[in-house]
């Protein structure tokens, strides 16, 4: 399917569930970032690379009936899911649309804010997306991007080489799909190059223990994506089995803990 090509983690039922769980696990940090950015009632916002729309629905509640949220994603399946949720919940202030995030189908200076969470790490041309975000922002509007930074500093303690190997493979898989799990280090420069003024660099991370939301978040990712690493030739079947054994051992160790890949929330404003 064409949309499966647009998002290299896929648009399966399992991935849709994982994205919903992911939104729940990081919801508190998301709301903090929106507060820092000044997202508010009556604003017109764009959820760029909205996926199935879990953040979109939160933004719709935030802006209220006098505001509006545009939701853009490359996947027809994800947009269909969002449209179903909007109908079921009788939400009328959202316009979902299938389209290219590199060519936003909105007029110049038409929105107060753009939100892009875990989008820029997956694209070949993040500079082009920053240019488009700057174009559609009104003077005084903000571009809020949330993405990975220094990905390979992720650690599970006690350390195990099979677990370290897995995260190294995730890193190389993103590169193979023309993305980067270190993209956040480049975003301030890309934003400044488009005339935006960086106002906040907000670090996002947690320490997680077995059974916690964040531990389960990465476990769901492993379950969904490990078979794809094997299909891509990045891990062999024995290496996958070794990882599963090491992860299971860590999951039952009361002393184990996990530092997820560091992330940055970056807020940049278009000058008035």
C-alpha atoms as a PDB file:
ATOM      1  CA  UNK A   1       0.000   0.000   0.000  1.00  0.00           C
ATOM      2  CA  UNK A   2       1.256   3.482  -0.870  1.00  0.00           C
ATOM      3  CA  UNK A   3       0.748   4.957   2.578  1.00  0.00           C
ATOM      4  CA  UNK A   4       2.818   2.198   4.152  1.00  0.00           C
ATOM      5  CA  UNK A   5       5.760   3.692   2.265  1.00  0.00           C
ATOM      6  CA  UNK A   6       5.186   7.115   3.827  1.00  0.00           C
ATOM      7  CA  UNK A   7       5.819   6.023   7.407  1.00  0.00           C
ATOM      8  CA  UNK A   8       8.476   3.369   7.679  1.00  0.00           C
ATOM      9  CA  UNK A   9       7.114   1.965  10.961  1.00  0.00           C
ATOM     10  CA  UNK A  10       3.945   1.038   9.073  1.00  0.00           C
ATOM     11  CA  UNK A  11       0.222   1.683   9.565  1.00  0.00           C
ATOM     12  CA  UNK A  12      -0.850  -1.702  10.913  1.00  0.00           C
ATOM     13  CA  UNK A  13      -3.387  -2.200  13.710  1.00  0.00           C
ATOM     14  CA  UNK A  14      -0.490  -2.913  16.071  1.00  0.00           C
ATOM     15  CA  UNK A  15       1.250   0.337  15.148  1.00  0.00           C
ATOM     16  CA  UNK A  16      -1.976   2.302  15.495  1.00  0.00           C
ATOM     17  CA  UNK A  17      -2.393   0.916  19.020  1.00  0.00           C
ATOM     18  CA  UNK A  18       1.252   1.671  19.833  1.00  0.00           C
ATOM     19  CA  UNK A  19       0.870   5.284  18.716  1.00  0.00           C
ATOM     20  CA  UNK A  20      -2.150   5.694  20.989  1.00  0.00           C
ATOM     21  CA  UNK A  21      -0.203   4.230  23.909  1.00  0.00           C
ATOM     22  CA  UNK A  22       2.747   6.464  23.047  1.00  0.00           C
ATOM     23  CA  UNK A  23       0.546   9.558  23.139  1.00  0.00           C
ATOM     24  CA  UNK A  24      -0.785   8.552  26.550  1.00  0.00           C
ATOM     25  CA  UNK A  25       2.693   7.861  27.911  1.00  0.00           C
ATOM     26  CA  UNK A  26       4.000  11.288  26.862  1.00  0.00           C
ATOM     27  CA  UNK A  27       0.798  13.301  27.241  1.00  0.00           C
ATOM     28  CA  UNK A  28       1.952  15.263  30.278  1.00  0.00           C
ATOM     29  CA  UNK A  29       5.117  16.442  28.527  1.00  0.00           C
ATOM     30  CA  UNK A  30       3.107  17.296  25.404  1.00  0.00           C
ATOM     31  CA  UNK A  31       0.764  19.551  27.355  1.00  0.00           C
ATOM     32  CA  UNK A  32       3.731  21.248  29.046  1.00  0.00           C
ATOM     33  CA  UNK A  33       5.292  21.985  25.673  1.00  0.00           C
ATOM     34  CA  UNK A  34       2.043  23.432  24.323  1.00  0.00           C
ATOM     35  CA  UNK A  35       1.771  25.615  27.425  1.00  0.00           C
ATOM     36  CA  UNK A  36       5.315  26.919  26.885  1.00  0.00           C
ATOM     37  CA  UNK A  37       4.429  27.642  23.250  1.00  0.00           C
ATOM     38  CA  UNK A  38       1.278  29.539  24.208  1.00  0.00           C
ATOM     39  CA  UNK A  39      -1.147  27.286  22.311  1.00  0.00           C
ATOM     40  CA  UNK A  40      -4.557  28.484  23.414  1.00  0.00           C
ATOM     41  CA  UNK A  41      -8.264  28.988  22.938  1.00  0.00           C
ATOM     42  CA  UNK A  42      -9.508  30.356  19.583  1.00  0.00           C
ATOM     43  CA  UNK A  43      -6.200  29.743  17.809  1.00  0.00           C
ATOM     44  CA  UNK A  44      -5.800  28.122  14.400  1.00  0.00           C
ATOM     45  CA  UNK A  45      -3.215  25.351  14.637  1.00  0.00           C
ATOM     46  CA  UNK A  46      -1.651  22.740  12.338  1.00  0.00           C
ATOM     47  CA  UNK A  47      -0.853  19.212  13.528  1.00  0.00           C
ATOM     48  CA  UNK A  48       1.785  18.343  10.937  1.00  0.00           C
ATOM     49  CA  UNK A  49       2.320  14.612  10.412  1.00  0.00           C
ATOM     50  CA  UNK A  50      -0.702  14.027  12.638  1.00  0.00           C
ATOM     51  CA  UNK A  51      -0.783  10.228  12.250  1.00  0.00           C
ATOM     52  CA  UNK A  52      -4.043   8.792  13.667  1.00  0.00           C
ATOM     53  CA  UNK A  53      -4.741  12.122  15.356  1.00  0.00           C
ATOM     54  CA  UNK A  54      -4.234  11.463  19.060  1.00  0.00           C
ATOM     55  CA  UNK A  55      -2.610  14.887  19.531  1.00  0.00           C
ATOM     56  CA  UNK A  56      -5.063  16.438  17.064  1.00  0.00           C
ATOM     57  CA  UNK A  57      -8.018  15.678  19.328  1.00  0.00           C
ATOM     58  CA  UNK A  58      -6.210  17.226  22.294  1.00  0.00           C
ATOM     59  CA  UNK A  59      -5.471  20.342  20.256  1.00  0.00           C
ATOM     60  CA  UNK A  60      -9.127  20.534  19.186  1.00  0.00           C
ATOM     61  CA  UNK A  61     -10.210  20.590  22.827  1.00  0.00           C
ATOM     62  CA  UNK A  62      -7.566  23.218  23.591  1.00  0.00           C
ATOM     63  CA  UNK A  63      -8.543  25.622  20.809  1.00  0.00           C
ATOM     64  CA  UNK A  64     -12.255  25.161  21.425  1.00  0.00           C
ATOM     65  CA  UNK A  65     -15.190  25.699  19.061  1.00  0.00           C
ATOM     66  CA  UNK A  66     -13.957  29.160  18.085  1.00  0.00           C
ATOM     67  CA  UNK A  67     -10.550  27.817  17.070  1.00  0.00           C
ATOM     68  CA  UNK A  68      -9.553  25.311  14.406  1.00  0.00           C
ATOM     69  CA  UNK A  69      -7.045  22.508  13.897  1.00  0.00           C
ATOM     70  CA  UNK A  70      -5.734  21.414  10.519  1.00  0.00           C
ATOM     71  CA  UNK A  71      -4.390  17.841  10.597  1.00  0.00           C
ATOM     72  CA  UNK A  72      -2.107  16.692   7.763  1.00  0.00           C
ATOM     73  CA  UNK A  73      -0.608  13.242   7.235  1.00  0.00           C
ATOM     74  CA  UNK A  74       0.620  11.138   4.316  1.00  0.00           C
ATOM     75  CA  UNK A  75      -1.312   8.033   5.404  1.00  0.00           C
ATOM     76  CA  UNK A  76      -4.876   7.601   4.197  1.00  0.00           C
ATOM     77  CA  UNK A  77      -5.439   4.912   6.811  1.00  0.00           C
ATOM     78  CA  UNK A  78      -4.392   7.169   9.669  1.00  0.00           C
ATOM     79  CA  UNK A  79      -6.498  10.070   8.393  1.00  0.00           C
ATOM     80  CA  UNK A  80      -9.489   7.738   8.017  1.00  0.00           C
ATOM     81  CA  UNK A  81      -9.017   6.678  11.638  1.00  0.00           C
ATOM     82  CA  UNK A  82      -8.980  10.319  12.731  1.00  0.00           C
ATOM     83  CA  UNK A  83     -12.110  11.099  10.698  1.00  0.00           C
ATOM     84  CA  UNK A  84     -13.889   8.212  12.420  1.00  0.00           C
ATOM     85  CA  UNK A  85     -12.899   9.560  15.851  1.00  0.00           C
ATOM     86  CA  UNK A  86     -14.042  13.068  14.918  1.00  0.00           C
ATOM     87  CA  UNK A  87     -17.435  11.753  13.823  1.00  0.00           C
ATOM     88  CA  UNK A  88     -17.867   9.526  16.881  1.00  0.00           C
ATOM     89  CA  UNK A  89     -16.936  12.336  19.281  1.00  0.00           C
ATOM     90  CA  UNK A  90     -18.823  15.015  17.308  1.00  0.00           C
ATOM     91  CA  UNK A  91     -15.753  17.202  16.927  1.00  0.00           C
ATOM     92  CA  UNK A  92     -16.336  19.900  14.315  1.00  0.00           C
ATOM     93  CA  UNK A  93     -13.282  22.162  14.578  1.00  0.00           C
ATOM     94  CA  UNK A  94     -10.790  19.850  12.830  1.00  0.00           C
ATOM     95  CA  UNK A  95      -9.987  19.539   9.126  1.00  0.00           C
ATOM     96  CA  UNK A  96      -8.112  16.254   8.482  1.00  0.00           C
ATOM     97  CA  UNK A  97      -6.340  15.880   5.162  1.00  0.00           C
ATOM     98  CA  UNK A  98      -4.078  13.425   3.359  1.00  0.00           C
ATOM     99  CA  UNK A  99      -1.129  15.223   1.844  1.00  0.00           C
ATOM    100  CA  UNK A 100       2.592  15.845   1.594  1.00  0.00           C
ATOM    101  CA  UNK A 101       4.079  17.420   4.725  1.00  0.00           C
ATOM    102  CA  UNK A 102       6.724  19.011   2.470  1.00  0.00           C
ATOM    103  CA  UNK A 103       3.994  20.959   0.622  1.00  0.00           C
ATOM    104  CA  UNK A 104       1.448  22.076   3.218  1.00  0.00           C
ATOM    105  CA  UNK A 105      -1.905  22.808   1.518  1.00  0.00           C
ATOM    106  CA  UNK A 106      -2.516  26.016   3.489  1.00  0.00           C
ATOM    107  CA  UNK A 107      -2.178  29.670   2.578  1.00  0.00           C
ATOM    108  CA  UNK A 108       0.746  31.817   3.667  1.00  0.00           C
ATOM    109  CA  UNK A 109       0.454  33.188   7.208  1.00  0.00           C
ATOM    110  CA  UNK A 110      -2.765  31.281   7.945  1.00  0.00           C
ATOM    111  CA  UNK A 111      -2.085  29.554  11.310  1.00  0.00           C
ATOM    112  CA  UNK A 112      -1.013  30.609  14.789  1.00  0.00           C
ATOM    113  CA  UNK A 113       0.987  27.480  15.508  1.00  0.00           C
ATOM    114  CA  UNK A 114       2.467  24.358  13.914  1.00  0.00           C
ATOM    115  CA  UNK A 115       3.074  21.203  15.940  1.00  0.00           C
ATOM    116  CA  UNK A 116       5.290  18.363  14.652  1.00  0.00           C
ATOM    117  CA  UNK A 117       5.989  15.478  17.035  1.00  0.00           C
ATOM    118  CA  UNK A 118       8.237  12.608  15.916  1.00  0.00           C
ATOM    119  CA  UNK A 119       7.905  13.716  12.302  1.00  0.00           C
ATOM    120  CA  UNK A 120      11.191  15.325  11.310  1.00  0.00           C
ATOM    121  CA  UNK A 121      13.217  12.252  12.297  1.00  0.00           C
ATOM    122  CA  UNK A 122      11.481  10.286   9.536  1.00  0.00           C
ATOM    123  CA  UNK A 123      11.833  12.657   6.573  1.00  0.00           C
ATOM    124  CA  UNK A 124      14.550  13.161   3.993  1.00  0.00           C
ATOM    125  CA  UNK A 125      14.184  16.945   3.815  1.00  0.00           C
ATOM    126  CA  UNK A 126      13.586  18.457   7.270  1.00  0.00           C
ATOM    127  CA  UNK A 127      14.805  21.840   6.009  1.00  0.00           C
ATOM    128  CA  UNK A 128      11.958  21.899   3.504  1.00  0.00           C
ATOM    129  CA  UNK A 129       9.418  21.178   6.240  1.00  0.00           C
ATOM    130  CA  UNK A 130      10.836  23.987   8.382  1.00  0.00           C
ATOM    131  CA  UNK A 131      10.481  26.307   5.395  1.00  0.00           C
ATOM    132  CA  UNK A 132       6.857  25.286   4.920  1.00  0.00           C
ATOM    133  CA  UNK A 133       6.090  25.686   8.621  1.00  0.00           C
ATOM    134  CA  UNK A 134       7.583  29.198   8.552  1.00  0.00           C
ATOM    135  CA  UNK A 135       5.546  30.027   5.439  1.00  0.00           C
ATOM    136  CA  UNK A 136       2.147  29.127   6.905  1.00  0.00           C
ATOM    137  CA  UNK A 137       2.784  30.779  10.289  1.00  0.00           C
ATOM    138  CA  UNK A 138       1.331  34.175  10.955  1.00  0.00           C
ATOM    139  CA  UNK A 139       3.718  36.815  12.342  1.00  0.00           C
ATOM    140  CA  UNK A 140       4.059  36.010  16.035  1.00  0.00           C
ATOM    141  CA  UNK A 141       3.101  32.373  15.461  1.00  0.00           C
ATOM    142  CA  UNK A 142       5.169  29.458  16.769  1.00  0.00           C
ATOM    143  CA  UNK A 143       6.614  26.274  15.329  1.00  0.00           C
ATOM    144  CA  UNK A 144       6.788  23.541  17.978  1.00  0.00           C
ATOM    145  CA  UNK A 145       8.864  20.485  17.083  1.00  0.00           C
ATOM    146  CA  UNK A 146       9.472  17.466  19.329  1.00  0.00           C
ATOM    147  CA  UNK A 147      12.076  14.972  18.224  1.00  0.00           C
ATOM    148  CA  UNK A 148      15.031  12.731  19.054  1.00  0.00           C
ATOM    149  CA  UNK A 149      18.474  13.973  20.014  1.00  0.00           C
ATOM    150  CA  UNK A 150      21.656  11.945  20.660  1.00  0.00           C
ATOM    151  CA  UNK A 151      19.684   8.725  20.180  1.00  0.00           C
ATOM    152  CA  UNK A 152      22.469   6.272  20.959  1.00  0.00           C
ATOM    153  CA  UNK A 153      22.827   7.586  24.508  1.00  0.00           C
ATOM    154  CA  UNK A 154      19.832   5.363  25.326  1.00  0.00           C
ATOM    155  CA  UNK A 155      20.698   2.847  28.051  1.00  0.00           C
ATOM    156  CA  UNK A 156      19.127  -0.071  29.864  1.00  0.00           C
ATOM    157  CA  UNK A 157      20.806  -0.905  33.164  1.00  0.00           C
ATOM    158  CA  UNK A 158      22.254  -3.373  33.961  1.00  0.00           C
ATOM    159  CA  UNK A 159      23.780  -3.031  30.491  1.00  0.00           C
ATOM    160  CA  UNK A 160      23.613  -5.901  28.014  1.00  0.00           C
ATOM    161  CA  UNK A 161      25.249  -5.956  24.554  1.00  0.00           C
ATOM    162  CA  UNK A 162      22.170  -7.479  22.897  1.00  0.00           C
ATOM    163  CA  UNK A 163      20.016  -4.556  24.040  1.00  0.00           C
ATOM    164  CA  UNK A 164      22.636  -1.999  22.988  1.00  0.00           C
ATOM    165  CA  UNK A 165      22.830  -3.701  19.568  1.00  0.00           C
ATOM    166  CA  UNK A 166      19.068  -3.321  19.079  1.00  0.00           C
ATOM    167  CA  UNK A 167      19.086   0.443  19.592  1.00  0.00           C
ATOM    168  CA  UNK A 168      22.079   0.744  17.287  1.00  0.00           C
ATOM    169  CA  UNK A 169      20.018  -1.065  14.636  1.00  0.00           C
ATOM    170  CA  UNK A 170      17.073   1.294  15.173  1.00  0.00           C
ATOM    171  CA  UNK A 171      19.458   4.200  14.577  1.00  0.00           C
ATOM    172  CA  UNK A 172      20.763   2.690  11.339  1.00  0.00           C
ATOM    173  CA  UNK A 173      17.254   1.781  10.184  1.00  0.00           C
ATOM    174  CA  UNK A 174      16.211   5.432  10.374  1.00  0.00           C
ATOM    175  CA  UNK A 175      19.278   6.427   8.338  1.00  0.00           C
ATOM    176  CA  UNK A 176      18.452   3.751   5.754  1.00  0.00           C
ATOM    177  CA  UNK A 177      14.994   5.342   5.355  1.00  0.00           C
ATOM    178  CA  UNK A 178      16.553   8.797   4.791  1.00  0.00           C
ATOM    179  CA  UNK A 179      15.694   9.949   8.320  1.00  0.00           C
ATOM    180  CA  UNK A 180      17.702  10.595  11.469  1.00  0.00           C
ATOM    181  CA  UNK A 181      17.085   9.860  15.140  1.00  0.00           C
ATOM    182  CA  UNK A 182      19.515  12.689  15.931  1.00  0.00           C
ATOM    183  CA  UNK A 183      17.538  15.315  14.005  1.00  0.00           C
ATOM    184  CA  UNK A 184      16.852  17.610  16.985  1.00  0.00           C
ATOM    185  CA  UNK A 185      20.480  18.750  17.061  1.00  0.00           C
ATOM    186  CA  UNK A 186      19.972  20.327  13.623  1.00  0.00           C
ATOM    187  CA  UNK A 187      16.509  21.840  14.081  1.00  0.00           C
ATOM    188  CA  UNK A 188      17.480  25.133  15.763  1.00  0.00           C
ATOM    189  CA  UNK A 189      19.753  25.945  12.812  1.00  0.00           C
ATOM    190  CA  UNK A 190      17.104  24.938  10.266  1.00  0.00           C
ATOM    191  CA  UNK A 191      14.520  27.105  12.038  1.00  0.00           C
ATOM    192  CA  UNK A 192      16.842  30.121  12.298  1.00  0.00           C
ATOM    193  CA  UNK A 193      17.674  29.761   8.595  1.00  0.00           C
ATOM    194  CA  UNK A 194      13.949  30.295   7.888  1.00  0.00           C
ATOM    195  CA  UNK A 195      13.885  33.523   9.890  1.00  0.00           C
ATOM    196  CA  UNK A 196      12.350  31.985  13.025  1.00  0.00           C
ATOM    197  CA  UNK A 197      13.558  32.917  16.493  1.00  0.00           C
ATOM    198  CA  UNK A 198      14.257  29.969  18.801  1.00  0.00           C
ATOM    199  CA  UNK A 199      12.720  30.713  22.200  1.00  0.00           C
ATOM    200  CA  UNK A 200      12.867  27.418  24.101  1.00  0.00           C
ATOM    201  CA  UNK A 201      14.889  24.205  24.051  1.00  0.00           C
ATOM    202  CA  UNK A 202      12.904  21.936  26.337  1.00  0.00           C
ATOM    203  CA  UNK A 203      14.603  18.620  27.276  1.00  0.00           C
ATOM    204  CA  UNK A 204      12.238  15.650  27.399  1.00  0.00           C
ATOM    205  CA  UNK A 205      13.188  12.390  29.073  1.00  0.00           C
ATOM    206  CA  UNK A 206      12.433  10.105  32.001  1.00  0.00           C
ATOM    207  CA  UNK A 207      14.001   7.242  33.874  1.00  0.00           C
ATOM    208  CA  UNK A 208      11.769   4.180  33.590  1.00  0.00           C
ATOM    209  CA  UNK A 209      11.544   0.979  35.598  1.00  0.00           C
ATOM    210  CA  UNK A 210      10.037  -2.342  34.455  1.00  0.00           C
ATOM    211  CA  UNK A 211       6.258  -2.142  34.236  1.00  0.00           C
ATOM    212  CA  UNK A 212       6.102   1.650  33.979  1.00  0.00           C
ATOM    213  CA  UNK A 213       4.368   3.435  31.098  1.00  0.00           C
ATOM    214  CA  UNK A 214       7.670   4.385  29.475  1.00  0.00           C
ATOM    215  CA  UNK A 215       9.059   0.846  29.837  1.00  0.00           C
ATOM    216  CA  UNK A 216       5.918  -0.513  28.180  1.00  0.00           C
ATOM    217  CA  UNK A 217       6.153   2.172  25.498  1.00  0.00           C
ATOM    218  CA  UNK A 218       9.580   0.971  24.367  1.00  0.00           C
ATOM    219  CA  UNK A 219       8.510  -2.661  24.787  1.00  0.00           C
ATOM    220  CA  UNK A 220       5.629  -2.109  22.348  1.00  0.00           C
ATOM    221  CA  UNK A 221       8.055  -0.507  19.910  1.00  0.00           C
ATOM    222  CA  UNK A 222      10.375  -3.505  20.214  1.00  0.00           C
ATOM    223  CA  UNK A 223       7.540  -5.980  19.666  1.00  0.00           C
ATOM    224  CA  UNK A 224       6.306  -4.161  16.572  1.00  0.00           C
ATOM    225  CA  UNK A 225       9.596  -3.291  14.939  1.00  0.00           C
ATOM    226  CA  UNK A 226      11.987  -6.127  15.777  1.00  0.00           C
ATOM    227  CA  UNK A 227      10.605  -8.344  12.941  1.00  0.00           C
ATOM    228  CA  UNK A 228      11.161  -5.460  10.511  1.00  0.00           C
ATOM    229  CA  UNK A 229      14.802  -5.153  11.554  1.00  0.00           C
ATOM    230  CA  UNK A 230      15.214  -8.815  10.712  1.00  0.00           C
ATOM    231  CA  UNK A 231      13.489  -8.339   7.337  1.00  0.00           C
ATOM    232  CA  UNK A 232      15.793  -5.393   6.606  1.00  0.00           C
ATOM    233  CA  UNK A 233      18.826  -7.565   7.338  1.00  0.00           C
ATOM    234  CA  UNK A 234      19.933  -5.393  10.245  1.00  0.00           C
ATOM    235  CA  UNK A 235      19.558  -8.205  12.793  1.00  0.00           C
ATOM    236  CA  UNK A 236      19.740 -11.967  12.399  1.00  0.00           C
ATOM    237  CA  UNK A 237      17.233 -14.386  13.914  1.00  0.00           C
ATOM    238  CA  UNK A 238      19.723 -15.459  16.639  1.00  0.00           C
ATOM    239  CA  UNK A 239      20.421 -11.797  17.473  1.00  0.00           C
ATOM    240  CA  UNK A 240      16.681 -11.157  17.796  1.00  0.00           C
ATOM    241  CA  UNK A 241      16.333 -14.148  20.102  1.00  0.00           C
ATOM    242  CA  UNK A 242      19.288 -12.962  22.188  1.00  0.00           C
ATOM    243  CA  UNK A 243      17.687  -9.533  22.533  1.00  0.00           C
ATOM    244  CA  UNK A 244      14.328 -10.991  23.586  1.00  0.00           C
ATOM    245  CA  UNK A 245      16.023 -13.059  26.286  1.00  0.00           C
ATOM    246  CA  UNK A 246      18.005 -10.065  27.559  1.00  0.00           C
ATOM    247  CA  UNK A 247      14.925  -7.821  27.570  1.00  0.00           C
ATOM    248  CA  UNK A 248      12.879 -10.428  29.420  1.00  0.00           C
ATOM    249  CA  UNK A 249      15.627 -10.730  32.015  1.00  0.00           C
ATOM    250  CA  UNK A 250      15.731  -6.941  32.458  1.00  0.00           C
ATOM    251  CA  UNK A 251      11.922  -6.779  32.674  1.00  0.00           C
ATOM    252  CA  UNK A 252      11.919  -9.078  35.693  1.00  0.00           C
ATOM    253  CA  UNK A 253      14.883  -7.459  37.455  1.00  0.00           C
ATOM    254  CA  UNK A 254      13.664  -5.167  40.284  1.00  0.00           C
ATOM    255  CA  UNK A 255      16.918  -3.207  40.044  1.00  0.00           C
ATOM    256  CA  UNK A 256      16.696  -2.595  36.269  1.00  0.00           C
ATOM    257  CA  UNK A 257      15.977   0.833  34.797  1.00  0.00           C
ATOM    258  CA  UNK A 258      15.893   2.479  31.409  1.00  0.00           C
ATOM    259  CA  UNK A 259      16.851   5.879  30.030  1.00  0.00           C
ATOM    260  CA  UNK A 260      14.915   6.445  26.784  1.00  0.00           C
ATOM    261  CA  UNK A 261      16.522   8.206  23.834  1.00  0.00           C
ATOM    262  CA  UNK A 262      16.794  11.917  24.746  1.00  0.00           C
ATOM    263  CA  UNK A 263      14.332  14.239  23.051  1.00  0.00           C
ATOM    264  CA  UNK A 264      14.040  18.004  22.631  1.00  0.00           C
ATOM    265  CA  UNK A 265      10.974  20.174  22.381  1.00  0.00           C
ATOM    266  CA  UNK A 266      11.957  23.197  20.296  1.00  0.00           C
ATOM    267  CA  UNK A 267       9.811  26.318  20.151  1.00  0.00           C
ATOM    268  CA  UNK A 268      10.579  28.924  17.489  1.00  0.00           C
ATOM    269  CA  UNK A 269       8.587  32.079  16.798  1.00  0.00           C
ATOM    270  CA  UNK A 270       8.010  33.967  13.560  1.00  0.00           C
ATOM    271  CA  UNK A 271       8.908  37.632  14.135  1.00  0.00           C
ATOM    272  CA  UNK A 272       6.143  40.196  14.028  1.00  0.00           C
END
